[in-house]
């Protein structure tokens, strides 16, 4: 961790696993013995706990909430309809596959439209909301 502070926990786990596979049985012996010793210690402590307090409580797994009603989609806005209509053409015109770049250009284009030009998309949004 100190050598690679930017490395994620998942990647560190993978690195440790690959290192463990490289160690021969003689090298692993020390760690296996230590693990066995710790397992025996845990079993003694668990038995003592059971005598004093009863069974060790199981971890509760939260059940996922099941919605009886399916989620309703929000009605699209005029801007949504504009984006849907112009996205492919804008991406082709710009020669990009990056949606972020196209969205930036479309947002500027939307702001430049007059109210009359936006009315077309407002009408489409109202019609889509009825369906």
C-alpha atoms as a PDB file:
ATOM      1  CA  UNK A   1       0.000   0.000   0.000  1.00  0.00           C
ATOM      2  CA  UNK A   2       2.761   2.444   0.897  1.00  0.00           C
ATOM      3  CA  UNK A   3       4.666   1.692  -2.301  1.00  0.00           C
ATOM      4  CA  UNK A   4       1.550   2.185  -4.471  1.00  0.00           C
ATOM      5  CA  UNK A   5      -0.859   4.566  -2.682  1.00  0.00           C
ATOM      6  CA  UNK A   6      -3.019   4.991  -5.797  1.00  0.00           C
ATOM      7  CA  UNK A   7      -3.657   1.258  -6.175  1.00  0.00           C
ATOM      8  CA  UNK A   8      -7.202   0.127  -5.374  1.00  0.00           C
ATOM      9  CA  UNK A   9      -7.983  -2.462  -2.717  1.00  0.00           C
ATOM     10  CA  UNK A  10      -9.157  -4.873  -5.406  1.00  0.00           C
ATOM     11  CA  UNK A  11      -5.870  -4.595  -7.290  1.00  0.00           C
ATOM     12  CA  UNK A  12      -3.868  -5.042  -4.083  1.00  0.00           C
ATOM     13  CA  UNK A  13      -5.863  -8.198  -3.314  1.00  0.00           C
ATOM     14  CA  UNK A  14      -5.062  -9.552  -6.764  1.00  0.00           C
ATOM     15  CA  UNK A  15      -1.363  -8.747  -6.334  1.00  0.00           C
ATOM     16  CA  UNK A  16      -1.290 -10.467  -2.958  1.00  0.00           C
ATOM     17  CA  UNK A  17      -3.028 -13.521  -4.416  1.00  0.00           C
ATOM     18  CA  UNK A  18      -0.512 -13.791  -7.232  1.00  0.00           C
ATOM     19  CA  UNK A  19       2.370 -13.431  -4.738  1.00  0.00           C
ATOM     20  CA  UNK A  20       0.848 -16.167  -2.550  1.00  0.00           C
ATOM     21  CA  UNK A  21       0.645 -18.536  -5.533  1.00  0.00           C
ATOM     22  CA  UNK A  22       4.354 -18.013  -6.214  1.00  0.00           C
ATOM     23  CA  UNK A  23       5.400 -19.063  -2.691  1.00  0.00           C
ATOM     24  CA  UNK A  24       6.327 -22.739  -2.307  1.00  0.00           C
ATOM     25  CA  UNK A  25       4.959 -25.010   0.455  1.00  0.00           C
ATOM     26  CA  UNK A  26       8.007 -24.393   2.657  1.00  0.00           C
ATOM     27  CA  UNK A  27       7.457 -20.639   2.489  1.00  0.00           C
ATOM     28  CA  UNK A  28       3.744 -20.969   3.206  1.00  0.00           C
ATOM     29  CA  UNK A  29       4.294 -23.251   6.217  1.00  0.00           C
ATOM     30  CA  UNK A  30       4.900 -20.353   8.638  1.00  0.00           C
ATOM     31  CA  UNK A  31       1.692 -18.588   7.600  1.00  0.00           C
ATOM     32  CA  UNK A  32      -0.404 -21.780   7.648  1.00  0.00           C
ATOM     33  CA  UNK A  33       0.790 -22.572  11.174  1.00  0.00           C
ATOM     34  CA  UNK A  34      -0.039 -19.050  12.299  1.00  0.00           C
ATOM     35  CA  UNK A  35      -3.513 -19.321  10.746  1.00  0.00           C
ATOM     36  CA  UNK A  36      -4.125 -22.683  12.464  1.00  0.00           C
ATOM     37  CA  UNK A  37      -3.030 -21.211  15.801  1.00  0.00           C
ATOM     38  CA  UNK A  38      -5.401 -18.253  15.315  1.00  0.00           C
ATOM     39  CA  UNK A  39      -8.260 -20.581  14.333  1.00  0.00           C
ATOM     40  CA  UNK A  40      -7.815 -22.582  17.566  1.00  0.00           C
ATOM     41  CA  UNK A  41      -7.792 -19.321  19.558  1.00  0.00           C
ATOM     42  CA  UNK A  42     -11.042 -18.245  17.862  1.00  0.00           C
ATOM     43  CA  UNK A  43     -12.696 -21.601  18.567  1.00  0.00           C
ATOM     44  CA  UNK A  44     -11.782 -21.329  22.289  1.00  0.00           C
ATOM     45  CA  UNK A  45     -13.112 -17.769  22.490  1.00  0.00           C
ATOM     46  CA  UNK A  46     -16.295 -18.750  20.619  1.00  0.00           C
ATOM     47  CA  UNK A  47     -16.887 -21.694  22.981  1.00  0.00           C
ATOM     48  CA  UNK A  48     -16.403 -19.397  25.984  1.00  0.00           C
ATOM     49  CA  UNK A  49     -18.856 -16.886  24.500  1.00  0.00           C
ATOM     50  CA  UNK A  50     -21.467 -19.597  23.862  1.00  0.00           C
ATOM     51  CA  UNK A  51     -21.193 -20.755  27.512  1.00  0.00           C
ATOM     52  CA  UNK A  52     -21.680 -17.235  28.840  1.00  0.00           C
ATOM     53  CA  UNK A  53     -24.154 -15.737  26.344  1.00  0.00           C
ATOM     54  CA  UNK A  54     -25.636 -18.515  24.242  1.00  0.00           C
ATOM     55  CA  UNK A  55     -25.343 -18.945  20.473  1.00  0.00           C
ATOM     56  CA  UNK A  56     -23.344 -16.458  18.472  1.00  0.00           C
ATOM     57  CA  UNK A  57     -25.828 -14.274  16.588  1.00  0.00           C
ATOM     58  CA  UNK A  58     -25.839 -14.682  12.823  1.00  0.00           C
ATOM     59  CA  UNK A  59     -25.374 -11.669  10.631  1.00  0.00           C
ATOM     60  CA  UNK A  60     -28.642 -10.373   9.324  1.00  0.00           C
ATOM     61  CA  UNK A  61     -28.917  -9.995   5.595  1.00  0.00           C
ATOM     62  CA  UNK A  62     -31.204  -7.194   4.570  1.00  0.00           C
ATOM     63  CA  UNK A  63     -33.900  -8.240   2.169  1.00  0.00           C
ATOM     64  CA  UNK A  64     -34.199  -6.199  -0.973  1.00  0.00           C
ATOM     65  CA  UNK A  65     -37.272  -4.053  -1.174  1.00  0.00           C
ATOM     66  CA  UNK A  66     -39.697  -5.209  -3.799  1.00  0.00           C
ATOM     67  CA  UNK A  67     -41.849  -2.492  -5.271  1.00  0.00           C
ATOM     68  CA  UNK A  68     -45.369  -3.558  -6.054  1.00  0.00           C
ATOM     69  CA  UNK A  69     -45.706  -0.783  -8.598  1.00  0.00           C
ATOM     70  CA  UNK A  70     -43.297  -0.353 -11.466  1.00  0.00           C
ATOM     71  CA  UNK A  71     -41.560   3.008 -11.575  1.00  0.00           C
ATOM     72  CA  UNK A  72     -43.251   5.573 -13.700  1.00  0.00           C
ATOM     73  CA  UNK A  73     -41.106   7.369 -16.194  1.00  0.00           C
ATOM     74  CA  UNK A  74     -41.038  11.127 -16.005  1.00  0.00           C
ATOM     75  CA  UNK A  75     -42.388  12.885 -19.008  1.00  0.00           C
ATOM     76  CA  UNK A  76     -39.625  14.074 -21.320  1.00  0.00           C
ATOM     77  CA  UNK A  77     -38.798  17.743 -21.567  1.00  0.00           C
ATOM     78  CA  UNK A  78     -38.451  19.714 -24.762  1.00  0.00           C
ATOM     79  CA  UNK A  79     -34.692  19.624 -24.222  1.00  0.00           C
ATOM     80  CA  UNK A  80     -34.780  15.804 -23.989  1.00  0.00           C
ATOM     81  CA  UNK A  81     -36.637  15.624 -27.274  1.00  0.00           C
ATOM     82  CA  UNK A  82     -34.132  18.006 -28.884  1.00  0.00           C
ATOM     83  CA  UNK A  83     -31.189  15.891 -27.692  1.00  0.00           C
ATOM     84  CA  UNK A  84     -32.859  12.689 -28.885  1.00  0.00           C
ATOM     85  CA  UNK A  85     -33.511  14.233 -32.284  1.00  0.00           C
ATOM     86  CA  UNK A  86     -30.082  15.815 -32.826  1.00  0.00           C
ATOM     87  CA  UNK A  87     -27.562  13.563 -31.002  1.00  0.00           C
ATOM     88  CA  UNK A  88     -26.683  11.153 -33.838  1.00  0.00           C
ATOM     89  CA  UNK A  89     -26.384  13.881 -36.450  1.00  0.00           C
ATOM     90  CA  UNK A  90     -24.217  16.029 -34.165  1.00  0.00           C
ATOM     91  CA  UNK A  91     -21.888  13.155 -33.332  1.00  0.00           C
ATOM     92  CA  UNK A  92     -21.474  12.305 -37.018  1.00  0.00           C
ATOM     93  CA  UNK A  93     -20.946  15.945 -37.950  1.00  0.00           C
ATOM     94  CA  UNK A  94     -18.303  16.336 -35.241  1.00  0.00           C
ATOM     95  CA  UNK A  95     -16.734  12.971 -36.104  1.00  0.00           C
ATOM     96  CA  UNK A  96     -16.717  11.817 -32.488  1.00  0.00           C
ATOM     97  CA  UNK A  97     -18.084   8.958 -30.428  1.00  0.00           C
ATOM     98  CA  UNK A  98     -17.794  10.890 -27.164  1.00  0.00           C
ATOM     99  CA  UNK A  99     -21.233  11.788 -25.893  1.00  0.00           C
ATOM    100  CA  UNK A 100     -19.826  14.467 -23.582  1.00  0.00           C
ATOM    101  CA  UNK A 101     -18.477  16.476 -26.499  1.00  0.00           C
ATOM    102  CA  UNK A 102     -21.725  16.166 -28.444  1.00  0.00           C
ATOM    103  CA  UNK A 103     -23.809  17.131 -25.399  1.00  0.00           C
ATOM    104  CA  UNK A 104     -21.713  20.251 -24.919  1.00  0.00           C
ATOM    105  CA  UNK A 105     -22.279  21.295 -28.514  1.00  0.00           C
ATOM    106  CA  UNK A 106     -25.997  20.483 -28.328  1.00  0.00           C
ATOM    107  CA  UNK A 107     -26.426  22.472 -25.104  1.00  0.00           C
ATOM    108  CA  UNK A 108     -24.930  25.527 -26.808  1.00  0.00           C
ATOM    109  CA  UNK A 109     -27.146  24.932 -29.824  1.00  0.00           C
ATOM    110  CA  UNK A 110     -30.250  24.618 -27.595  1.00  0.00           C
ATOM    111  CA  UNK A 111     -29.460  27.901 -25.853  1.00  0.00           C
ATOM    112  CA  UNK A 112     -29.184  29.578 -29.253  1.00  0.00           C
ATOM    113  CA  UNK A 113     -32.608  28.419 -30.439  1.00  0.00           C
ATOM    114  CA  UNK A 114     -35.468  30.877 -30.481  1.00  0.00           C
ATOM    115  CA  UNK A 115     -38.709  30.186 -28.638  1.00  0.00           C
ATOM    116  CA  UNK A 116     -40.348  29.485 -31.978  1.00  0.00           C
ATOM    117  CA  UNK A 117     -37.708  26.863 -32.844  1.00  0.00           C
ATOM    118  CA  UNK A 118     -38.043  25.266 -29.385  1.00  0.00           C
ATOM    119  CA  UNK A 119     -41.840  25.052 -29.795  1.00  0.00           C
ATOM    120  CA  UNK A 120     -41.443  22.041 -32.111  1.00  0.00           C
ATOM    121  CA  UNK A 121     -39.704  20.090 -29.345  1.00  0.00           C
ATOM    122  CA  UNK A 122     -42.156  21.285 -26.680  1.00  0.00           C
ATOM    123  CA  UNK A 123     -44.990  19.899 -28.786  1.00  0.00           C
ATOM    124  CA  UNK A 124     -43.148  16.558 -29.186  1.00  0.00           C
ATOM    125  CA  UNK A 125     -42.607  16.409 -25.399  1.00  0.00           C
ATOM    126  CA  UNK A 126     -46.300  16.996 -24.704  1.00  0.00           C
ATOM    127  CA  UNK A 127     -47.270  14.276 -27.172  1.00  0.00           C
ATOM    128  CA  UNK A 128     -44.781  11.848 -25.645  1.00  0.00           C
ATOM    129  CA  UNK A 129     -46.166  12.550 -22.158  1.00  0.00           C
ATOM    130  CA  UNK A 130     -49.707  11.615 -23.249  1.00  0.00           C
ATOM    131  CA  UNK A 131     -48.647   8.147 -24.403  1.00  0.00           C
END
